[in-house]
Amino acid sequence: WRRDGTLRDSDVAAGVMPGDIYSGAGQLDPFLRQADYIVAALPSTPQTQGLLDGDILSACASRQPALINVGRGDLLSESTIIH
């Protein structure tokens, strides 16, 4: 199993997690494009509200990854998931 991750700060994960580390908002799109599963475990903050909006999820639509959100619900809207 390959595990890739995305973080705000790549220094945090140095040597901790196998796979590729994507960091920063600009890396979210390429990260999601290759994902089979998206597991979101984020708190509700001004930076995370709406983070997984329609444009971001559209980037990975061709792979149709499974989305598992164990964090706060305001990462994405219900209408985003339905469409």
PDB file of N, CA and C in Angstrom:
ATOM      1  N   TRP A   1       0.827  -1.175   0.000  1.00  0.00           N
ATOM      2  CA  TRP A   1       0.000   0.000   0.000  1.00  0.00           C
ATOM      3  C   TRP A   1       0.869   1.234   0.000  1.00  0.00           C
ATOM      4  N   ARG A   2       0.521   2.152  -0.830  1.00  0.00           N
ATOM      5  CA  ARG A   2       1.238   3.431  -0.885  1.00  0.00           C
ATOM      6  C   ARG A   2       0.418   4.460  -0.123  1.00  0.00           C
ATOM      7  N   ARG A   3       1.071   5.213   0.740  1.00  0.00           N
ATOM      8  CA  ARG A   3       0.391   6.271   1.499  1.00  0.00           C
ATOM      9  C   ARG A   3       1.071   7.586   1.198  1.00  0.00           C
ATOM     10  N   ASP A   4       0.334   8.489   0.609  1.00  0.00           N
ATOM     11  CA  ASP A   4       0.829   9.830   0.364  1.00  0.00           C
ATOM     12  C   ASP A   4       0.087  10.767   1.298  1.00  0.00           C
ATOM     13  N   GLY A   5       0.619  11.929   1.540  1.00  0.00           N
ATOM     14  CA  GLY A   5      -0.039  12.854   2.442  1.00  0.00           C
ATOM     15  C   GLY A   5       0.172  14.290   2.033  1.00  0.00           C
ATOM     16  N   THR A   6      -0.678  15.141   2.538  1.00  0.00           N
ATOM     17  CA  THR A   6      -0.533  16.572   2.308  1.00  0.00           C
ATOM     18  C   THR A   6      -0.555  17.302   3.638  1.00  0.00           C
ATOM     19  N   LEU A   7       0.352  18.240   3.772  1.00  0.00           N
ATOM     20  CA  LEU A   7       0.521  19.008   5.007  1.00  0.00           C
ATOM     21  C   LEU A   7       0.749  20.467   4.667  1.00  0.00           C
ATOM     22  N   ARG A   8       0.504  21.329   5.630  1.00  0.00           N
ATOM     23  CA  ARG A   8       0.858  22.739   5.439  1.00  0.00           C
ATOM     24  C   ARG A   8       2.363  22.918   5.439  1.00  0.00           C
ATOM     25  N   ASP A   9       3.089  22.126   6.217  1.00  0.00           N
ATOM     26  CA  ASP A   9       4.529  22.294   6.390  1.00  0.00           C
ATOM     27  C   ASP A   9       5.220  20.958   6.170  1.00  0.00           C
ATOM     28  N   SER A  10       5.985  20.840   5.095  1.00  0.00           N
ATOM     29  CA  SER A  10       6.623  19.565   4.766  1.00  0.00           C
ATOM     30  C   SER A  10       7.681  19.162   5.784  1.00  0.00           C
ATOM     31  N   ASP A  11       8.238  20.090   6.538  1.00  0.00           N
ATOM     32  CA  ASP A  11       9.253  19.750   7.540  1.00  0.00           C
ATOM     33  C   ASP A  11       8.698  18.855   8.639  1.00  0.00           C
ATOM     34  N   VAL A  12       7.399  18.952   8.905  1.00  0.00           N
ATOM     35  CA  VAL A  12       6.776  18.169   9.973  1.00  0.00           C
ATOM     36  C   VAL A  12       6.882  16.678   9.692  1.00  0.00           C
ATOM     37  N   ALA A  13       6.755  16.270   8.438  1.00  0.00           N
ATOM     38  CA  ALA A  13       6.687  14.854   8.101  1.00  0.00           C
ATOM     39  C   ALA A  13       8.013  14.253   7.650  1.00  0.00           C
ATOM     40  N   ALA A  14       9.065  15.007   7.674  1.00  0.00           N
ATOM     41  CA  ALA A  14      10.353  14.507   7.192  1.00  0.00           C
ATOM     42  C   ALA A  14      10.739  13.210   7.896  1.00  0.00           C
ATOM     43  N   GLY A  15      10.854  12.147   7.121  1.00  0.00           N
ATOM     44  CA  GLY A  15      11.272  10.861   7.648  1.00  0.00           C
ATOM     45  C   GLY A  15      10.220  10.108   8.437  1.00  0.00           C
ATOM     46  N   VAL A  16       9.010  10.594   8.502  1.00  0.00           N
ATOM     47  CA  VAL A  16       7.981   9.957   9.323  1.00  0.00           C
ATOM     48  C   VAL A  16       7.053   9.079   8.501  1.00  0.00           C
ATOM     49  N   MET A  17       6.685   9.508   7.334  1.00  0.00           N
ATOM     50  CA  MET A  17       5.645   8.827   6.563  1.00  0.00           C
ATOM     51  C   MET A  17       6.187   8.363   5.221  1.00  0.00           C
ATOM     52  N   PRO A  18       6.036   7.076   4.881  1.00  0.00           N
ATOM     53  CA  PRO A  18       6.478   6.619   3.565  1.00  0.00           C
ATOM     54  C   PRO A  18       5.563   7.180   2.482  1.00  0.00           C
ATOM     55  N   GLY A  19       6.079   7.285   1.281  1.00  0.00           N
ATOM     56  CA  GLY A  19       5.297   7.841   0.188  1.00  0.00           C
ATOM     57  C   GLY A  19       5.697   9.283  -0.050  1.00  0.00           C
ATOM     58  N   ASP A  20       4.922   9.951  -0.870  1.00  0.00           N
ATOM     59  CA  ASP A  20       5.209  11.339  -1.204  1.00  0.00           C
ATOM     60  C   ASP A  20       4.493  12.268  -0.242  1.00  0.00           C
ATOM     61  N   ILE A  21       5.117  13.379   0.046  1.00  0.00           N
ATOM     62  CA  ILE A  21       4.515  14.414   0.881  1.00  0.00           C
ATOM     63  C   ILE A  21       4.280  15.628  -0.008  1.00  0.00           C
ATOM     64  N   TYR A  22       3.060  16.074  -0.047  1.00  0.00           N
ATOM     65  CA  TYR A  22       2.689  17.287  -0.763  1.00  0.00           C
ATOM     66  C   TYR A  22       2.415  18.340   0.299  1.00  0.00           C
ATOM     67  N   SER A  23       2.952  19.540   0.127  1.00  0.00           N
ATOM     68  CA  SER A  23       2.723  20.555   1.151  1.00  0.00           C
ATOM     69  C   SER A  23       2.303  21.871   0.512  1.00  0.00           C
ATOM     70  N   GLY A  24       1.460  22.588   1.220  1.00  0.00           N
ATOM     71  CA  GLY A  24       0.987  23.884   0.764  1.00  0.00           C
ATOM     72  C   GLY A  24      -0.277  23.776  -0.068  1.00  0.00           C
ATOM     73  N   ALA A  25      -1.007  24.868  -0.124  1.00  0.00           N
ATOM     74  CA  ALA A  25      -2.286  24.895  -0.848  1.00  0.00           C
ATOM     75  C   ALA A  25      -2.111  24.585  -2.331  1.00  0.00           C
ATOM     76  N   GLY A  26      -1.010  24.974  -2.915  1.00  0.00           N
ATOM     77  CA  GLY A  26      -0.772  24.721  -4.331  1.00  0.00           C
ATOM     78  C   GLY A  26      -0.559  23.252  -4.668  1.00  0.00           C
ATOM     79  N   GLN A  27      -0.284  22.429  -3.688  1.00  0.00           N
ATOM     80  CA  GLN A  27      -0.041  21.007  -3.903  1.00  0.00           C
ATOM     81  C   GLN A  27      -1.297  20.162  -3.739  1.00  0.00           C
ATOM     82  N   LEU A  28      -2.395  20.759  -3.270  1.00  0.00           N
ATOM     83  CA  LEU A  28      -3.609  19.985  -3.014  1.00  0.00           C
ATOM     84  C   LEU A  28      -4.182  19.395  -4.303  1.00  0.00           C
ATOM     85  N   ASP A  29      -4.223  20.163  -5.363  1.00  0.00           N
ATOM     86  CA  ASP A  29      -4.771  19.681  -6.635  1.00  0.00           C
ATOM     87  C   ASP A  29      -4.001  18.477  -7.173  1.00  0.00           C
ATOM     88  N   PRO A  30      -2.657  18.545  -7.324  1.00  0.00           N
ATOM     89  CA  PRO A  30      -1.937  17.362  -7.822  1.00  0.00           C
ATOM     90  C   PRO A  30      -2.043  16.162  -6.886  1.00  0.00           C
ATOM     91  N   PHE A  31      -2.116  16.422  -5.597  1.00  0.00           N
ATOM     92  CA  PHE A  31      -2.282  15.335  -4.630  1.00  0.00           C
ATOM     93  C   PHE A  31      -3.601  14.606  -4.858  1.00  0.00           C
ATOM     94  N   LEU A  32      -4.689  15.353  -4.990  1.00  0.00           N
ATOM     95  CA  LEU A  32      -6.011  14.743  -5.155  1.00  0.00           C
ATOM     96  C   LEU A  32      -6.163  14.061  -6.498  1.00  0.00           C
ATOM     97  N   ARG A  33      -5.496  14.526  -7.529  1.00  0.00           N
ATOM     98  CA  ARG A  33      -5.600  13.925  -8.866  1.00  0.00           C
ATOM     99  C   ARG A  33      -5.136  12.465  -8.888  1.00  0.00           C
ATOM    100  N   GLN A  34      -4.259  12.081  -7.982  1.00  0.00           N
ATOM    101  CA  GLN A  34      -3.737  10.711  -7.992  1.00  0.00           C
ATOM    102  C   GLN A  34      -4.319   9.846  -6.877  1.00  0.00           C
ATOM    103  N   ALA A  35      -5.284  10.379  -6.130  1.00  0.00           N
ATOM    104  CA  ALA A  35      -5.803   9.675  -4.952  1.00  0.00           C
ATOM    105  C   ALA A  35      -6.886   8.659  -5.313  1.00  0.00           C
ATOM    106  N   ASP A  36      -6.844   7.513  -4.668  1.00  0.00           N
ATOM    107  CA  ASP A  36      -7.920   6.524  -4.736  1.00  0.00           C
ATOM    108  C   ASP A  36      -8.862   6.705  -3.552  1.00  0.00           C
ATOM    109  N   TYR A  37      -8.321   7.174  -2.449  1.00  0.00           N
ATOM    110  CA  TYR A  37      -9.091   7.451  -1.237  1.00  0.00           C
ATOM    111  C   TYR A  37      -8.664   8.816  -0.711  1.00  0.00           C
ATOM    112  N   ILE A  38      -9.620   9.585  -0.239  1.00  0.00           N
ATOM    113  CA  ILE A  38      -9.324  10.853   0.412  1.00  0.00           C
ATOM    114  C   ILE A  38      -9.883  10.752   1.827  1.00  0.00           C
ATOM    115  N   VAL A  39      -9.000  10.825   2.808  1.00  0.00           N
ATOM    116  CA  VAL A  39      -9.416  10.792   4.202  1.00  0.00           C
ATOM    117  C   VAL A  39      -9.131  12.175   4.783  1.00  0.00           C
ATOM    118  N   ALA A  40     -10.185  12.881   5.131  1.00  0.00           N
ATOM    119  CA  ALA A  40     -10.058  14.226   5.680  1.00  0.00           C
ATOM    120  C   ALA A  40     -10.306  14.169   7.183  1.00  0.00           C
ATOM    121  N   ALA A  41      -9.338  14.607   7.951  1.00  0.00           N
ATOM    122  CA  ALA A  41      -9.448  14.632   9.420  1.00  0.00           C
ATOM    123  C   ALA A  41      -9.003  16.004   9.900  1.00  0.00           C
ATOM    124  N   LEU A  42      -9.732  17.010   9.462  1.00  0.00           N
ATOM    125  CA  LEU A  42      -9.337  18.388   9.732  1.00  0.00           C
ATOM    126  C   LEU A  42     -10.309  19.081  10.675  1.00  0.00           C
ATOM    127  N   PRO A  43      -9.813  20.008  11.470  1.00  0.00           N
ATOM    128  CA  PRO A  43     -10.697  20.791  12.340  1.00  0.00           C
ATOM    129  C   PRO A  43     -11.419  21.859  11.516  1.00  0.00           C
ATOM    130  N   SER A  44     -12.410  22.452  12.116  1.00  0.00           N
ATOM    131  CA  SER A  44     -13.105  23.563  11.469  1.00  0.00           C
ATOM    132  C   SER A  44     -12.371  24.854  11.820  1.00  0.00           C
ATOM    133  N   THR A  45     -11.701  25.417  10.834  1.00  0.00           N
ATOM    134  CA  THR A  45     -10.996  26.688  11.002  1.00  0.00           C
ATOM    135  C   THR A  45     -11.301  27.542   9.772  1.00  0.00           C
ATOM    136  N   PRO A  46     -11.003  28.820   9.818  1.00  0.00           N
ATOM    137  CA  PRO A  46     -11.202  29.644   8.619  1.00  0.00           C
ATOM    138  C   PRO A  46     -10.412  29.117   7.408  1.00  0.00           C
ATOM    139  N   GLN A  47      -9.274  28.475   7.652  1.00  0.00           N
ATOM    140  CA  GLN A  47      -8.462  27.938   6.554  1.00  0.00           C
ATOM    141  C   GLN A  47      -9.033  26.657   5.968  1.00  0.00           C
ATOM    142  N   THR A  48      -9.808  25.900   6.731  1.00  0.00           N
ATOM    143  CA  THR A  48     -10.317  24.624   6.230  1.00  0.00           C
ATOM    144  C   THR A  48     -11.771  24.674   5.775  1.00  0.00           C
ATOM    145  N   GLN A  49     -12.510  25.699   6.136  1.00  0.00           N
ATOM    146  CA  GLN A  49     -13.910  25.790   5.724  1.00  0.00           C
ATOM    147  C   GLN A  49     -13.993  25.889   4.204  1.00  0.00           C
ATOM    148  N   GLY A  50     -14.710  24.945   3.602  1.00  0.00           N
ATOM    149  CA  GLY A  50     -14.855  24.918   2.146  1.00  0.00           C
ATOM    150  C   GLY A  50     -13.612  24.462   1.409  1.00  0.00           C
ATOM    151  N   LEU A  51     -12.646  23.898   2.105  1.00  0.00           N
ATOM    152  CA  LEU A  51     -11.389  23.479   1.479  1.00  0.00           C
ATOM    153  C   LEU A  51     -11.619  22.489   0.340  1.00  0.00           C
ATOM    154  N   LEU A  52     -12.517  21.544   0.545  1.00  0.00           N
ATOM    155  CA  LEU A  52     -12.825  20.561  -0.499  1.00  0.00           C
ATOM    156  C   LEU A  52     -14.075  21.004  -1.251  1.00  0.00           C
ATOM    157  N   ASP A  53     -13.948  22.105  -1.965  1.00  0.00           N
ATOM    158  CA  ASP A  53     -15.092  22.618  -2.704  1.00  0.00           C
ATOM    159  C   ASP A  53     -15.216  21.910  -4.050  1.00  0.00           C
ATOM    160  N   GLY A  54     -16.159  22.325  -4.835  1.00  0.00           N
ATOM    161  CA  GLY A  54     -16.430  21.676  -6.115  1.00  0.00           C
ATOM    162  C   GLY A  54     -15.250  21.655  -7.061  1.00  0.00           C
ATOM    163  N   ASP A  55     -14.492  22.757  -7.128  1.00  0.00           N
ATOM    164  CA  ASP A  55     -13.345  22.815  -8.037  1.00  0.00           C
ATOM    165  C   ASP A  55     -12.261  21.822  -7.634  1.00  0.00           C
ATOM    166  N   ILE A  56     -11.999  21.736  -6.357  1.00  0.00           N
ATOM    167  CA  ILE A  56     -10.969  20.803  -5.874  1.00  0.00           C
ATOM    168  C   ILE A  56     -11.391  19.363  -6.142  1.00  0.00           C
ATOM    169  N   LEU A  57     -12.630  19.030  -5.820  1.00  0.00           N
ATOM    170  CA  LEU A  57     -13.088  17.656  -6.033  1.00  0.00           C
ATOM    171  C   LEU A  57     -13.224  17.326  -7.514  1.00  0.00           C
ATOM    172  N   SER A  58     -13.501  18.307  -8.346  1.00  0.00           N
ATOM    173  CA  SER A  58     -13.570  18.075  -9.789  1.00  0.00           C
ATOM    174  C   SER A  58     -12.223  17.634 -10.339  1.00  0.00           C
ATOM    175  N   ALA A  59     -11.151  18.071  -9.708  1.00  0.00           N
ATOM    176  CA  ALA A  59      -9.801  17.715 -10.154  1.00  0.00           C
ATOM    177  C   ALA A  59      -9.572  16.213 -10.107  1.00  0.00           C
ATOM    178  N   CYS A  60     -10.251  15.529  -9.203  1.00  0.00           N
ATOM    179  CA  CYS A  60     -10.027  14.087  -9.068  1.00  0.00           C
ATOM    180  C   CYS A  60     -11.227  13.270  -9.532  1.00  0.00           C
ATOM    181  N   ALA A  61     -12.160  13.869 -10.250  1.00  0.00           N
ATOM    182  CA  ALA A  61     -13.388  13.188 -10.649  1.00  0.00           C
ATOM    183  C   ALA A  61     -13.142  11.991 -11.570  1.00  0.00           C
ATOM    184  N   SER A  62     -12.107  12.043 -12.390  1.00  0.00           N
ATOM    185  CA  SER A  62     -11.872  10.933 -13.322  1.00  0.00           C
ATOM    186  C   SER A  62     -11.519   9.640 -12.593  1.00  0.00           C
ATOM    187  N   ARG A  63     -10.907   9.730 -11.418  1.00  0.00           N
ATOM    188  CA  ARG A  63     -10.560   8.534 -10.640  1.00  0.00           C
ATOM    189  C   ARG A  63     -11.690   8.113  -9.714  1.00  0.00           C
ATOM    190  N   GLN A  64     -12.612   9.015  -9.417  1.00  0.00           N
ATOM    191  CA  GLN A  64     -13.723   8.786  -8.500  1.00  0.00           C
ATOM    192  C   GLN A  64     -13.253   8.165  -7.175  1.00  0.00           C
ATOM    193  N   PRO A  65     -12.407   8.899  -6.451  1.00  0.00           N
ATOM    194  CA  PRO A  65     -11.906   8.365  -5.186  1.00  0.00           C
ATOM    195  C   PRO A  65     -12.997   8.324  -4.119  1.00  0.00           C
ATOM    196  N   ALA A  66     -12.824   7.436  -3.171  1.00  0.00           N
ATOM    197  CA  ALA A  66     -13.722   7.385  -2.013  1.00  0.00           C
ATOM    198  C   ALA A  66     -13.344   8.530  -1.088  1.00  0.00           C
ATOM    199  N   LEU A  67     -14.342   9.255  -0.604  1.00  0.00           N
ATOM    200  CA  LEU A  67     -14.110  10.373   0.309  1.00  0.00           C
ATOM    201  C   LEU A  67     -14.598   9.995   1.696  1.00  0.00           C
ATOM    202  N   ILE A  68     -13.679  10.037   2.656  1.00  0.00           N
ATOM    203  CA  ILE A  68     -14.001   9.727   4.048  1.00  0.00           C
ATOM    204  C   ILE A  68     -13.679  10.963   4.863  1.00  0.00           C
ATOM    205  N   ASN A  69     -14.695  11.611   5.399  1.00  0.00           N
ATOM    206  CA  ASN A  69     -14.496  12.821   6.183  1.00  0.00           C
ATOM    207  C   ASN A  69     -14.783  12.511   7.651  1.00  0.00           C
ATOM    208  N   VAL A  70     -13.738  12.406   8.442  1.00  0.00           N
ATOM    209  CA  VAL A  70     -13.903  12.156   9.876  1.00  0.00           C
ATOM    210  C   VAL A  70     -13.675  13.438  10.671  1.00  0.00           C
ATOM    211  N   GLY A  71     -13.457  14.527   9.946  1.00  0.00           N
ATOM    212  CA  GLY A  71     -13.276  15.828  10.581  1.00  0.00           C
ATOM    213  C   GLY A  71     -14.595  16.579  10.605  1.00  0.00           C
ATOM    214  N   ARG A  72     -14.509  17.874  10.552  1.00  0.00           N
ATOM    215  CA  ARG A  72     -15.685  18.717  10.600  1.00  0.00           C
ATOM    216  C   ARG A  72     -16.368  18.778   9.245  1.00  0.00           C
ATOM    217  N   GLY A  73     -17.682  18.896   9.281  1.00  0.00           N
ATOM    218  CA  GLY A  73     -18.487  18.860   8.066  1.00  0.00           C
ATOM    219  C   GLY A  73     -18.339  20.061   7.161  1.00  0.00           C
ATOM    220  N   ASP A  74     -17.840  21.181   7.666  1.00  0.00           N
ATOM    221  CA  ASP A  74     -17.798  22.362   6.817  1.00  0.00           C
ATOM    222  C   ASP A  74     -16.585  22.413   5.883  1.00  0.00           C
ATOM    223  N   LEU A  75     -15.871  21.297   5.759  1.00  0.00           N
ATOM    224  CA  LEU A  75     -14.815  21.214   4.744  1.00  0.00           C
ATOM    225  C   LEU A  75     -15.409  21.246   3.352  1.00  0.00           C
ATOM    226  N   LEU A  76     -16.616  20.744   3.219  1.00  0.00           N
ATOM    227  CA  LEU A  76     -17.301  20.713   1.943  1.00  0.00           C
ATOM    228  C   LEU A  76     -18.796  20.850   2.171  1.00  0.00           C
ATOM    229  N   SER A  77     -19.491  21.253   1.148  1.00  0.00           N
ATOM    230  CA  SER A  77     -20.926  21.417   1.262  1.00  0.00           C
ATOM    231  C   SER A  77     -21.632  20.174   0.735  1.00  0.00           C
ATOM    232  N   GLU A  78     -22.846  19.967   1.198  1.00  0.00           N
ATOM    233  CA  GLU A  78     -23.639  18.825   0.754  1.00  0.00           C
ATOM    234  C   GLU A  78     -23.851  18.881  -0.762  1.00  0.00           C
ATOM    235  N   SER A  79     -24.085  20.072  -1.294  1.00  0.00           N
ATOM    236  CA  SER A  79     -24.315  20.197  -2.739  1.00  0.00           C
ATOM    237  C   SER A  79     -23.067  19.810  -3.536  1.00  0.00           C
ATOM    238  N   THR A  80     -21.883  20.014  -2.974  1.00  0.00           N
ATOM    239  CA  THR A  80     -20.655  19.620  -3.634  1.00  0.00           C
ATOM    240  C   THR A  80     -20.585  18.103  -3.790  1.00  0.00           C
ATOM    241  N   ILE A  81     -20.974  17.377  -2.784  1.00  0.00           N
ATOM    242  CA  ILE A  81     -20.918  15.923  -2.824  1.00  0.00           C
ATOM    243  C   ILE A  81     -21.965  15.360  -3.771  1.00  0.00           C
ATOM    244  N   ILE A  82     -23.143  15.928  -3.765  1.00  0.00           N
ATOM    245  CA  ILE A  82     -24.238  15.418  -4.603  1.00  0.00           C
ATOM    246  C   ILE A  82     -23.931  15.613  -6.068  1.00  0.00           C
ATOM    247  N   HIS A  83     -23.283  16.699  -6.416  1.00  0.00           N
ATOM    248  CA  HIS A  83     -22.990  16.980  -7.826  1.00  0.00           C
ATOM    249  C   HIS A  83     -21.628  16.430  -8.122  1.00  0.00           C
TER     250      HIS A  83
END
